[in-house]
Amino acid sequence: MKAPRLPIALQQAVMRALRENLQRANHHLERNYPEPTLLYQQRGTAAGTAWLEKWEIRLNPVLLLENQQAFISEVVPHELAHLLTWKHFGRVPPHGKEWKWMMESVLGVPARRTHQFALASVRSQTFAYRCRCQQHHLTVRRHNRVLRGESEYRCVQCGTLLQPGEFPAT
């Protein structure tokens, strides 16, 4: 799937949000962290990623187009907080207490780990797996890892090993 062309006004709004959040953080932290590179190259179901060593934020252009305001108010600060946390605290858990503090106390944004965007437009083929309590959908990559015996996945709710197959109807 080819990435969509983003309207210039939308790119400017994203950059404005990045700069405002960075300015807020620099003021609060009494630092002068540089502006990270912003790329629209994220693919798949992730809204964005922070590349720490490259000081770079990658955003998913498809999800950005579909969720413009949420990206500006939540995703941009979320990814920036990863970069700032790394610079300020060093290597710490990605969504740990330091990141949560950066999100809530410094940037003033609720610290949510994942987005709730509709994913139909970016989801590739998935494979049905089941556990004791529900059905799961694994990506082609994860499914192939299971087939090759390289990985196994467990349900975070019930802890049982995921098995290929549909969840039985009740």
Protein backbone atom coordinates (compact mmCIF):
# COMPACT_ATOMS: atom_id res chain seq x y z
CA MET A 1 0.00 0.00 0.00
CA LYS A 2 1.39 3.35 -1.03
CA ALA A 3 1.50 6.07 1.61
CA PRO A 4 -1.03 8.86 1.00
CA ARG A 5 0.04 12.40 0.26
CA LEU A 6 -0.55 14.49 3.33
CA PRO A 7 -1.96 18.00 2.96
CA ILE A 8 0.62 20.68 3.72
CA ALA A 9 -1.73 22.25 6.29
CA LEU A 10 -1.87 18.93 8.18
CA GLN A 11 1.92 18.54 8.12
CA GLN A 12 2.23 22.12 9.43
CA ALA A 13 -0.25 21.40 12.24
CA VAL A 14 1.74 18.30 13.25
CA MET A 15 5.01 20.26 13.21
CA ARG A 16 3.42 23.07 15.23
CA ALA A 17 2.27 20.53 17.85
CA LEU A 18 5.75 19.01 17.97
CA ARG A 19 7.39 22.40 18.46
CA GLU A 20 4.89 23.54 21.09
CA ASN A 21 5.33 20.34 23.10
CA LEU A 22 9.11 20.51 22.80
CA GLN A 23 9.10 24.15 23.92
CA ARG A 24 6.88 23.24 26.90
CA ALA A 25 9.25 20.40 27.84
CA ASN A 26 12.41 22.47 27.43
CA HIS A 27 10.95 25.19 29.62
CA HIS A 28 9.78 22.76 32.30
CA LEU A 29 12.99 20.72 32.27
CA GLU A 30 15.23 23.80 31.94
CA ARG A 31 16.94 22.23 28.95
CA ASN A 32 17.37 22.97 25.28
CA TYR A 33 16.69 19.65 23.57
CA PRO A 34 16.80 19.97 19.77
CA GLU A 35 13.85 19.44 17.49
CA PRO A 36 13.63 15.80 16.38
CA THR A 37 13.34 14.80 12.74
CA LEU A 38 9.74 14.07 11.79
CA LEU A 39 9.06 11.44 9.11
CA TYR A 40 5.82 10.01 7.77
CA GLN A 41 7.14 6.50 7.18
CA GLN A 42 5.51 4.36 9.88
CA ARG A 43 3.61 1.42 8.45
CA GLY A 44 1.28 -1.19 9.83
CA THR A 45 -0.95 -0.63 12.84
CA ALA A 46 1.44 1.49 14.91
CA ALA A 47 0.47 5.17 15.00
CA GLY A 48 4.08 6.21 15.48
CA THR A 49 7.50 5.25 16.76
CA ALA A 50 10.33 7.13 18.42
CA TRP A 51 13.82 6.26 17.21
CA LEU A 52 15.94 7.21 20.18
CA GLU A 53 19.48 7.20 18.77
CA LYS A 54 18.36 8.91 15.55
CA TRP A 55 16.32 11.50 17.51
CA GLU A 56 13.50 10.84 15.10
CA ILE A 57 9.74 10.40 15.19
CA ARG A 58 7.99 8.36 12.52
CA LEU A 59 4.26 8.76 12.07
CA ASN A 60 1.81 6.56 10.20
CA PRO A 61 0.43 8.74 7.36
CA VAL A 62 -2.70 6.62 6.82
CA LEU A 63 -3.72 6.72 10.48
CA LEU A 64 -2.77 10.41 10.66
CA LEU A 65 -5.14 11.27 7.83
CA GLU A 66 -7.94 9.29 9.50
CA ASN A 67 -7.33 10.63 13.04
CA GLN A 68 -5.90 14.10 12.62
CA GLN A 69 -6.81 15.75 15.91
CA ALA A 70 -5.90 12.71 18.01
CA PHE A 71 -2.49 12.58 16.33
CA ILE A 72 -1.83 16.22 17.07
CA SER A 73 -3.01 16.07 20.69
CA GLU A 74 -1.92 12.54 21.67
CA VAL A 75 0.40 10.70 19.27
CA VAL A 76 2.91 13.51 18.71
CA PRO A 77 3.37 14.15 22.46
CA HIS A 78 3.48 10.38 23.11
CA GLU A 79 6.40 9.84 20.73
CA LEU A 80 8.15 13.05 21.78
CA ALA A 81 7.89 11.90 25.41
CA HIS A 82 9.83 8.75 24.48
CA LEU A 83 12.67 10.84 23.07
CA LEU A 84 12.69 13.28 25.98
CA THR A 85 12.56 10.48 28.54
CA TRP A 86 15.55 8.81 26.92
CA LYS A 87 17.56 12.06 26.88
CA HIS A 88 16.56 13.01 30.41
CA PHE A 89 16.72 9.64 32.20
CA GLY A 90 18.66 7.32 29.90
CA ARG A 91 17.46 3.80 29.16
CA VAL A 92 14.29 3.13 31.14
CA PRO A 93 11.17 1.02 30.41
CA PRO A 94 9.37 2.48 27.36
CA HIS A 95 6.09 3.23 29.18
CA GLY A 96 7.44 3.27 32.71
CA LYS A 97 7.10 5.83 35.48
CA GLU A 98 9.58 8.24 33.86
CA TRP A 99 7.67 8.28 30.56
CA LYS A 100 4.37 8.61 32.41
CA TRP A 101 5.78 11.58 34.36
CA MET A 102 7.02 13.16 31.12
CA MET A 103 3.59 12.78 29.52
CA GLU A 104 1.46 13.95 32.42
CA SER A 105 3.60 16.37 34.43
CA VAL A 106 5.71 17.90 31.67
CA LEU A 107 3.56 17.72 28.53
CA GLY A 108 0.16 17.72 30.26
CA VAL A 109 -1.21 14.81 28.22
CA PRO A 110 -2.85 11.64 29.60
CA ALA A 111 -0.32 8.78 29.52
CA ARG A 112 -1.97 6.16 27.32
CA ARG A 113 0.23 3.36 26.04
CA THR A 114 -1.78 2.50 22.94
CA HIS A 115 -4.15 4.20 20.56
CA GLN A 116 -7.75 3.19 19.91
CA PHE A 117 -7.86 4.02 16.20
CA ALA A 118 -9.81 1.93 13.71
CA LEU A 119 -7.27 -0.22 11.88
CA ALA A 120 -9.18 -1.67 8.91
CA SER A 121 -7.35 0.56 6.43
CA VAL A 122 -3.87 -0.46 7.62
CA ARG A 123 -4.34 -4.03 8.83
CA SER A 124 -2.90 -6.67 6.57
CA GLN A 125 -4.01 -10.28 6.50
CA THR A 126 -4.29 -11.80 9.96
CA PHE A 127 -4.56 -15.36 11.23
CA ALA A 128 -7.06 -16.48 13.83
CA TYR A 129 -5.65 -17.90 17.07
CA ARG A 130 -7.46 -18.76 20.26
CA CYS A 131 -6.76 -19.08 23.95
CA ARG A 132 -9.05 -20.16 26.78
CA CYS A 133 -10.97 -16.88 26.86
CA GLN A 134 -11.01 -15.20 23.45
CA GLN A 135 -9.95 -15.08 19.81
CA HIS A 136 -6.77 -13.29 18.73
CA HIS A 137 -5.57 -12.10 15.32
CA LEU A 138 -1.87 -12.56 14.62
CA THR A 139 -0.06 -10.78 11.83
CA VAL A 140 1.56 -12.72 9.00
CA ARG A 141 4.96 -12.15 10.62
CA ARG A 142 3.89 -13.55 14.01
CA HIS A 143 2.00 -16.43 12.40
CA ASN A 144 5.10 -17.41 10.41
CA ARG A 145 7.24 -17.25 13.56
CA VAL A 146 4.84 -19.69 15.23
CA LEU A 147 4.95 -22.01 12.21
CA ARG A 148 8.77 -21.99 12.21
CA GLY A 149 8.86 -22.64 15.97
CA GLU A 150 10.67 -19.35 16.63
CA SER A 151 8.02 -17.79 18.88
CA GLU A 152 4.99 -18.56 20.95
CA TYR A 153 2.42 -16.09 22.17
CA ARG A 154 0.27 -16.07 25.30
CA CYS A 155 -2.95 -14.27 26.08
CA VAL A 156 -2.37 -11.36 28.45
CA GLN A 157 -5.78 -12.01 30.07
CA CYS A 158 -5.72 -15.74 30.84
CA GLY A 159 -2.05 -16.55 30.24
CA THR A 160 -2.65 -19.58 28.05
CA LEU A 161 -0.64 -20.32 24.93
CA LEU A 162 -2.31 -19.13 21.72
CA GLN A 163 -3.30 -21.94 19.37
CA PRO A 164 -4.20 -21.63 15.67
CA GLY A 165 -7.91 -21.75 14.97
CA GLU A 166 -11.20 -19.99 15.34
CA PHE A 167 -12.75 -19.43 18.75
CA PRO A 168 -15.72 -21.82 19.07
CA ALA A 169 -19.10 -20.15 18.81
CA THR A 170 -21.29 -20.41 21.87
